[in-house]
N, C-alpha and C. Protein backbone atom coordinates (compact mmCIF):
# COMPACT_ATOMS: atom_id res chain seq x y z
N MET A 1 1.14 -1.16 -0.18
CA MET A 1 -0.11 0.25 -0.24
C MET A 1 0.68 1.24 -0.30
N MET A 2 0.73 2.36 -0.87
CA MET A 2 1.30 3.54 -0.59
C MET A 2 0.98 4.26 0.35
N LYS A 3 1.85 5.07 0.61
CA LYS A 3 2.23 5.97 1.82
C LYS A 3 1.23 7.38 1.17
N ASP A 4 0.26 7.82 2.37
CA ASP A 4 -0.60 8.95 2.02
C ASP A 4 -0.14 10.16 1.55
N ILE A 5 -0.52 11.27 1.02
CA ILE A 5 -0.20 12.06 0.08
C ILE A 5 -0.46 13.52 0.77
N SER A 6 0.51 14.21 1.14
CA SER A 6 0.27 15.49 1.92
C SER A 6 -0.40 16.90 0.79
N VAL A 7 -1.10 17.71 1.75
CA VAL A 7 -2.09 18.82 0.48
C VAL A 7 -0.56 19.47 -0.18
N LYS A 8 0.23 20.09 0.15
CA LYS A 8 1.39 20.41 -0.01
C LYS A 8 2.05 19.51 -1.68
N GLU A 9 2.21 18.73 -1.45
CA GLU A 9 2.67 17.57 -2.63
C GLU A 9 1.66 17.52 -3.67
N LEU A 10 -0.04 17.53 -3.21
CA LEU A 10 -0.88 17.27 -4.29
C LEU A 10 -0.70 18.47 -5.21
N LYS A 11 -0.87 19.85 -4.39
CA LYS A 11 -0.92 21.00 -5.18
C LYS A 11 0.22 21.46 -5.95
N GLU A 12 1.34 20.93 -5.43
CA GLU A 12 2.29 21.14 -6.33
C GLU A 12 2.85 20.12 -7.52
N ARG A 13 1.69 19.10 -7.37
CA ARG A 13 1.77 17.95 -8.84
C ARG A 13 0.81 18.34 -9.37
N LEU A 14 -0.52 18.69 -8.84
CA LEU A 14 -1.61 19.31 -9.81
C LEU A 14 -1.16 20.24 -10.72
N ASP A 15 -0.65 21.56 -10.06
CA ASP A 15 0.25 22.72 -10.72
C ASP A 15 1.27 22.43 -11.76
N LYS A 16 1.80 21.45 -11.92
CA LYS A 16 2.58 20.37 -12.80
C LYS A 16 1.84 19.77 -13.66
N GLU A 17 0.52 19.67 -13.62
CA GLU A 17 -0.20 19.19 -14.03
C GLU A 17 -0.26 17.49 -14.53
N GLU A 18 0.54 16.82 -13.52
CA GLU A 18 0.71 15.37 -13.46
C GLU A 18 -0.58 14.76 -13.82
N ASP A 19 -0.14 13.60 -14.32
CA ASP A 19 -1.38 12.90 -14.58
C ASP A 19 -1.71 12.02 -13.74
N LEU A 20 -2.70 12.30 -12.62
CA LEU A 20 -3.27 11.85 -11.29
C LEU A 20 -4.34 11.74 -11.46
N PHE A 21 -5.25 10.78 -10.77
CA PHE A 21 -6.76 10.54 -11.21
C PHE A 21 -7.04 10.99 -9.78
N VAL A 22 -7.63 12.17 -9.20
CA VAL A 22 -8.33 12.32 -7.91
C VAL A 22 -9.53 12.07 -7.93
N ILE A 23 -10.23 11.44 -6.75
CA ILE A 23 -11.23 10.91 -6.27
C ILE A 23 -11.64 12.19 -5.21
N ASP A 24 -12.59 12.76 -5.27
CA ASP A 24 -13.31 13.27 -4.26
C ASP A 24 -14.47 12.49 -3.67
N VAL A 25 -14.48 11.91 -2.59
CA VAL A 25 -15.53 11.04 -2.07
C VAL A 25 -16.59 11.85 -1.07
N ARG A 26 -16.68 13.00 -1.29
CA ARG A 26 -17.82 13.97 -0.38
C ARG A 26 -18.88 13.76 -1.17
N GLU A 27 -19.73 14.32 -0.48
CA GLU A 27 -21.18 14.17 -0.69
C GLU A 27 -21.32 15.31 -2.09
N GLU A 28 -22.39 15.16 -2.42
CA GLU A 28 -22.69 16.10 -4.15
C GLU A 28 -22.67 17.56 -3.02
N HIS A 29 -23.65 18.02 -2.49
CA HIS A 29 -23.64 19.17 -1.70
C HIS A 29 -22.20 19.71 -1.17
N GLU A 30 -20.99 18.35 -0.54
CA GLU A 30 -19.86 19.16 -0.28
C GLU A 30 -19.28 19.62 -1.28
N TYR A 31 -19.18 18.78 -2.51
CA TYR A 31 -18.49 19.22 -3.52
C TYR A 31 -18.59 20.47 -4.49
N GLU A 32 -19.72 20.45 -4.13
CA GLU A 32 -20.67 21.74 -5.04
C GLU A 32 -20.09 23.20 -4.18
N GLU A 33 -20.21 23.34 -2.98
CA GLU A 33 -19.55 24.32 -2.15
C GLU A 33 -18.08 24.84 -2.46
N PHE A 34 -17.03 23.50 -2.44
CA PHE A 34 -15.89 23.71 -2.66
C PHE A 34 -14.95 22.52 -3.10
N ASN A 35 -14.28 22.80 -4.39
CA ASN A 35 -13.43 21.41 -4.60
C ASN A 35 -12.45 21.76 -5.49
N ILE A 36 -11.95 21.01 -5.97
CA ILE A 36 -10.14 21.17 -6.66
C ILE A 36 -10.46 20.59 -8.23
N GLY A 37 -11.51 20.11 -8.64
CA GLY A 37 -11.84 19.52 -9.81
C GLY A 37 -11.29 18.09 -10.05
N ALA A 38 -11.34 17.45 -8.53
CA ALA A 38 -11.66 16.35 -8.88
C ALA A 38 -12.80 15.17 -9.38
N GLU A 39 -12.61 14.37 -9.37
CA GLU A 39 -14.03 13.54 -10.02
C GLU A 39 -14.79 13.09 -8.73
N ASN A 40 -15.79 13.43 -8.52
CA ASN A 40 -16.94 13.19 -7.07
C ASN A 40 -17.89 11.91 -7.05
N ILE A 41 -17.24 11.55 -6.65
CA ILE A 41 -17.95 9.89 -6.64
C ILE A 41 -18.41 9.49 -5.02
N PRO A 42 -19.06 10.06 -4.38
CA PRO A 42 -19.24 9.98 -2.91
C PRO A 42 -19.09 8.38 -2.57
N LEU A 43 -18.35 8.25 -1.55
CA LEU A 43 -18.35 7.39 -0.47
C LEU A 43 -18.99 6.15 -0.87
N GLY A 44 -20.19 6.03 -0.36
CA GLY A 44 -21.13 5.34 -0.86
C GLY A 44 -21.55 4.52 -2.18
N THR A 45 -21.64 5.24 -2.85
CA THR A 45 -21.23 5.43 -4.37
C THR A 45 -20.24 4.60 -4.86
N LEU A 46 -19.04 4.87 -4.24
CA LEU A 46 -17.89 4.47 -5.07
C LEU A 46 -17.85 2.73 -5.09
N LEU A 47 -18.03 2.40 -3.78
CA LEU A 47 -17.92 1.25 -3.40
C LEU A 47 -18.89 0.25 -4.51
N THR A 48 -19.79 0.56 -4.89
CA THR A 48 -20.99 -0.25 -6.21
C THR A 48 -20.01 0.23 -7.56
N ILE A 49 -19.24 0.98 -7.84
CA ILE A 49 -18.67 1.23 -9.11
C ILE A 49 -17.20 0.82 -9.36
N LEU A 50 -16.85 0.44 -8.63
CA LEU A 50 -15.26 -0.16 -8.15
C LEU A 50 -14.97 -0.88 -10.09
N ASP A 51 -16.01 -1.47 -10.18
CA ASP A 51 -15.49 -2.21 -11.29
C ASP A 51 -15.25 -1.64 -12.48
N ASP A 52 -16.42 -0.06 -12.69
CA ASP A 52 -16.17 0.93 -13.60
C ASP A 52 -14.66 1.91 -13.68
N LEU A 53 -14.08 1.24 -12.51
CA LEU A 53 -12.69 2.19 -12.23
C LEU A 53 -11.45 1.22 -12.51
N GLU A 54 -11.84 0.06 -13.18
CA GLU A 54 -10.82 -0.79 -13.73
C GLU A 54 -9.71 -0.33 -14.50
N GLU A 55 -9.60 0.24 -15.39
CA GLU A 55 -8.76 0.78 -15.96
C GLU A 55 -7.46 1.70 -15.03
N TYR A 56 -7.71 1.98 -14.39
CA TYR A 56 -7.04 2.97 -13.12
C TYR A 56 -6.24 2.18 -12.01
N LYS A 57 -6.61 0.67 -12.24
CA LYS A 57 -6.22 -0.43 -11.23
C LYS A 57 -4.62 0.09 -10.75
N ASP A 58 -3.75 0.20 -11.85
CA ASP A 58 -2.44 0.46 -11.73
C ASP A 58 -2.06 1.88 -12.33
N LYS A 59 -2.48 2.58 -11.80
CA LYS A 59 -2.36 4.06 -11.68
C LYS A 59 -2.65 4.47 -10.37
N GLU A 60 -1.71 5.52 -10.54
CA GLU A 60 -1.78 6.08 -9.08
C GLU A 60 -3.05 7.24 -9.11
N ILE A 61 -3.83 6.80 -8.10
CA ILE A 61 -4.75 7.32 -7.52
C ILE A 61 -4.91 8.39 -6.22
N VAL A 62 -5.73 9.46 -5.85
CA VAL A 62 -5.46 10.15 -4.60
C VAL A 62 -6.85 9.82 -4.39
N VAL A 63 -7.23 9.90 -3.21
CA VAL A 63 -8.58 10.19 -2.71
C VAL A 63 -8.80 11.17 -1.39
N HIS A 64 -9.76 11.98 -1.92
CA HIS A 64 -9.93 12.80 -0.50
C HIS A 64 -11.28 13.18 -0.07
N CYS A 65 -11.83 13.66 1.18
CA CYS A 65 -12.68 14.02 1.71
C CYS A 65 -12.43 15.33 2.40
N ARG A 66 -13.39 15.53 3.22
CA ARG A 66 -13.25 16.82 4.25
C ARG A 66 -12.26 16.89 5.10
N SER A 67 -11.62 15.88 5.81
CA SER A 67 -10.64 16.03 6.90
C SER A 67 -9.71 14.64 6.28
N GLY A 68 -10.14 13.53 5.80
CA GLY A 68 -9.40 12.25 5.83
C GLY A 68 -9.67 11.38 6.23
N SER A 69 -11.05 11.25 6.81
CA SER A 69 -11.68 10.16 7.16
C SER A 69 -12.32 9.43 6.69
N ARG A 70 -13.21 9.50 5.42
CA ARG A 70 -14.01 8.86 4.90
C ARG A 70 -13.16 8.34 3.29
N SER A 71 -12.10 9.46 3.27
CA SER A 71 -11.03 9.07 2.11
C SER A 71 -10.32 7.48 2.60
N GLY A 72 -10.02 7.53 3.80
CA GLY A 72 -9.12 6.59 4.74
C GLY A 72 -9.66 5.44 4.33
N GLN A 73 -11.17 5.50 4.31
CA GLN A 73 -11.93 3.81 4.34
C GLN A 73 -11.85 3.72 2.72
N ALA A 74 -12.24 4.53 2.12
CA ALA A 74 -12.47 4.56 0.62
C ALA A 74 -10.71 3.58 -0.17
N LYS A 75 -9.58 4.01 0.44
CA LYS A 75 -8.30 3.83 0.25
C LYS A 75 -8.72 2.35 0.81
N GLU A 76 -8.70 1.99 1.77
CA GLU A 76 -8.90 0.89 2.24
C GLU A 76 -9.38 -0.33 1.71
N VAL A 77 -10.77 0.08 1.45
CA VAL A 77 -11.97 -0.57 0.29
C VAL A 77 -10.99 -0.75 -1.22
N MET A 78 -10.65 0.28 -1.75
CA MET A 78 -10.20 0.44 -3.23
C MET A 78 -9.00 -0.93 -3.23
N ALA A 79 -7.91 -0.62 -2.09
CA ALA A 79 -6.51 -1.35 -1.91
C ALA A 79 -7.29 -2.87 -1.87
N ALA A 80 -8.08 -3.31 -1.29
CA ALA A 80 -8.69 -4.30 -0.90
C ALA A 80 -8.95 -5.22 -2.19
N ALA A 81 -9.94 -3.97 -3.29
CA ALA A 81 -10.38 -4.80 -4.51
C ALA A 81 -8.85 -4.49 -5.35
N GLY A 82 -8.43 -4.56 -4.92
CA GLY A 82 -6.93 -4.44 -6.11
C GLY A 82 -6.43 -3.43 -6.23
N PHE A 83 -6.66 -2.31 -6.18
CA PHE A 83 -5.99 -0.91 -6.72
C PHE A 83 -5.20 -0.83 -6.00
N GLY A 84 -3.32 -1.04 -6.56
CA GLY A 84 -2.34 -0.78 -5.88
C GLY A 84 -1.69 0.45 -5.42
N LYS A 85 -2.13 1.55 -6.26
CA LYS A 85 -1.57 2.99 -5.78
C LYS A 85 -2.55 3.62 -5.58
N VAL A 86 -3.53 3.73 -4.22
CA VAL A 86 -4.53 4.51 -3.93
C VAL A 86 -3.37 5.41 -2.63
N ARG A 87 -3.74 6.56 -2.68
CA ARG A 87 -3.09 7.61 -1.41
C ARG A 87 -4.21 8.62 -0.90
N ASN A 88 -3.93 8.70 0.38
CA ASN A 88 -5.32 9.28 0.85
C ASN A 88 -4.76 10.72 1.41
N LEU A 89 -5.68 11.92 1.00
CA LEU A 89 -4.92 13.01 0.85
C LEU A 89 -5.29 13.52 2.97
N LEU A 90 -4.14 13.54 3.47
CA LEU A 90 -3.93 13.87 4.36
C LEU A 90 -4.35 15.11 4.86
N GLY A 91 -5.34 15.34 6.01
CA GLY A 91 -6.01 16.80 6.27
C GLY A 91 -7.25 17.08 5.56
N GLY A 92 -7.25 16.45 4.12
CA GLY A 92 -8.56 16.75 3.26
C GLY A 92 -8.63 18.12 3.01
N MET A 93 -10.03 18.69 2.74
CA MET A 93 -10.14 19.88 2.04
C MET A 93 -10.27 21.15 3.00
N LEU A 94 -10.33 20.30 4.21
CA LEU A 94 -10.42 21.58 5.51
C LEU A 94 -8.80 22.19 5.54
N GLU A 95 -7.35 20.67 5.32
CA GLU A 95 -6.08 21.38 5.38
C GLU A 95 -5.99 22.62 3.85
N TRP A 96 -6.86 21.90 2.73
CA TRP A 96 -6.75 22.11 1.71
C TRP A 96 -6.79 24.19 1.74
N ALA A 97 -8.26 24.21 2.39
CA ALA A 97 -9.07 25.52 1.79
C ALA A 97 -7.66 26.30 3.07
N GLU A 98 -7.47 25.75 4.45
CA GLU A 98 -6.55 26.54 5.26
C GLU A 98 -5.40 27.22 4.59
N LYS A 99 -4.66 26.01 3.60
CA LYS A 99 -3.57 26.42 3.25
C LYS A 99 -3.43 27.52 1.81
N TYR A 100 -4.99 26.90 1.24
CA TYR A 100 -4.73 27.63 -0.29
C TYR A 100 -6.05 28.38 -0.72
N GLY A 101 -7.08 28.71 0.30
CA GLY A 101 -7.86 29.07 0.54
C GLY A 101 -9.21 28.54 -0.48
């Protein structure tokens, strides 16, 4: 299992337009309030559509939520389903908003 990622590292990599698949596992209303352009797949939905994400199994995936708790669960579920490069964004959108507004 890959180690988690910091807000700073993710921001730097997104700024460089690196090829990352970023999933926001928050609910739709949370996503609409503030997001960083990630794919919005709420945690409850994610569990049911893992098969649809098959093409990303060997790619680096970053999952995030509000604080890092739901995305931690998402990371575990995805890892158990064979996704080998899933990283949780530590501190989530709370820390992102604090650092980058």
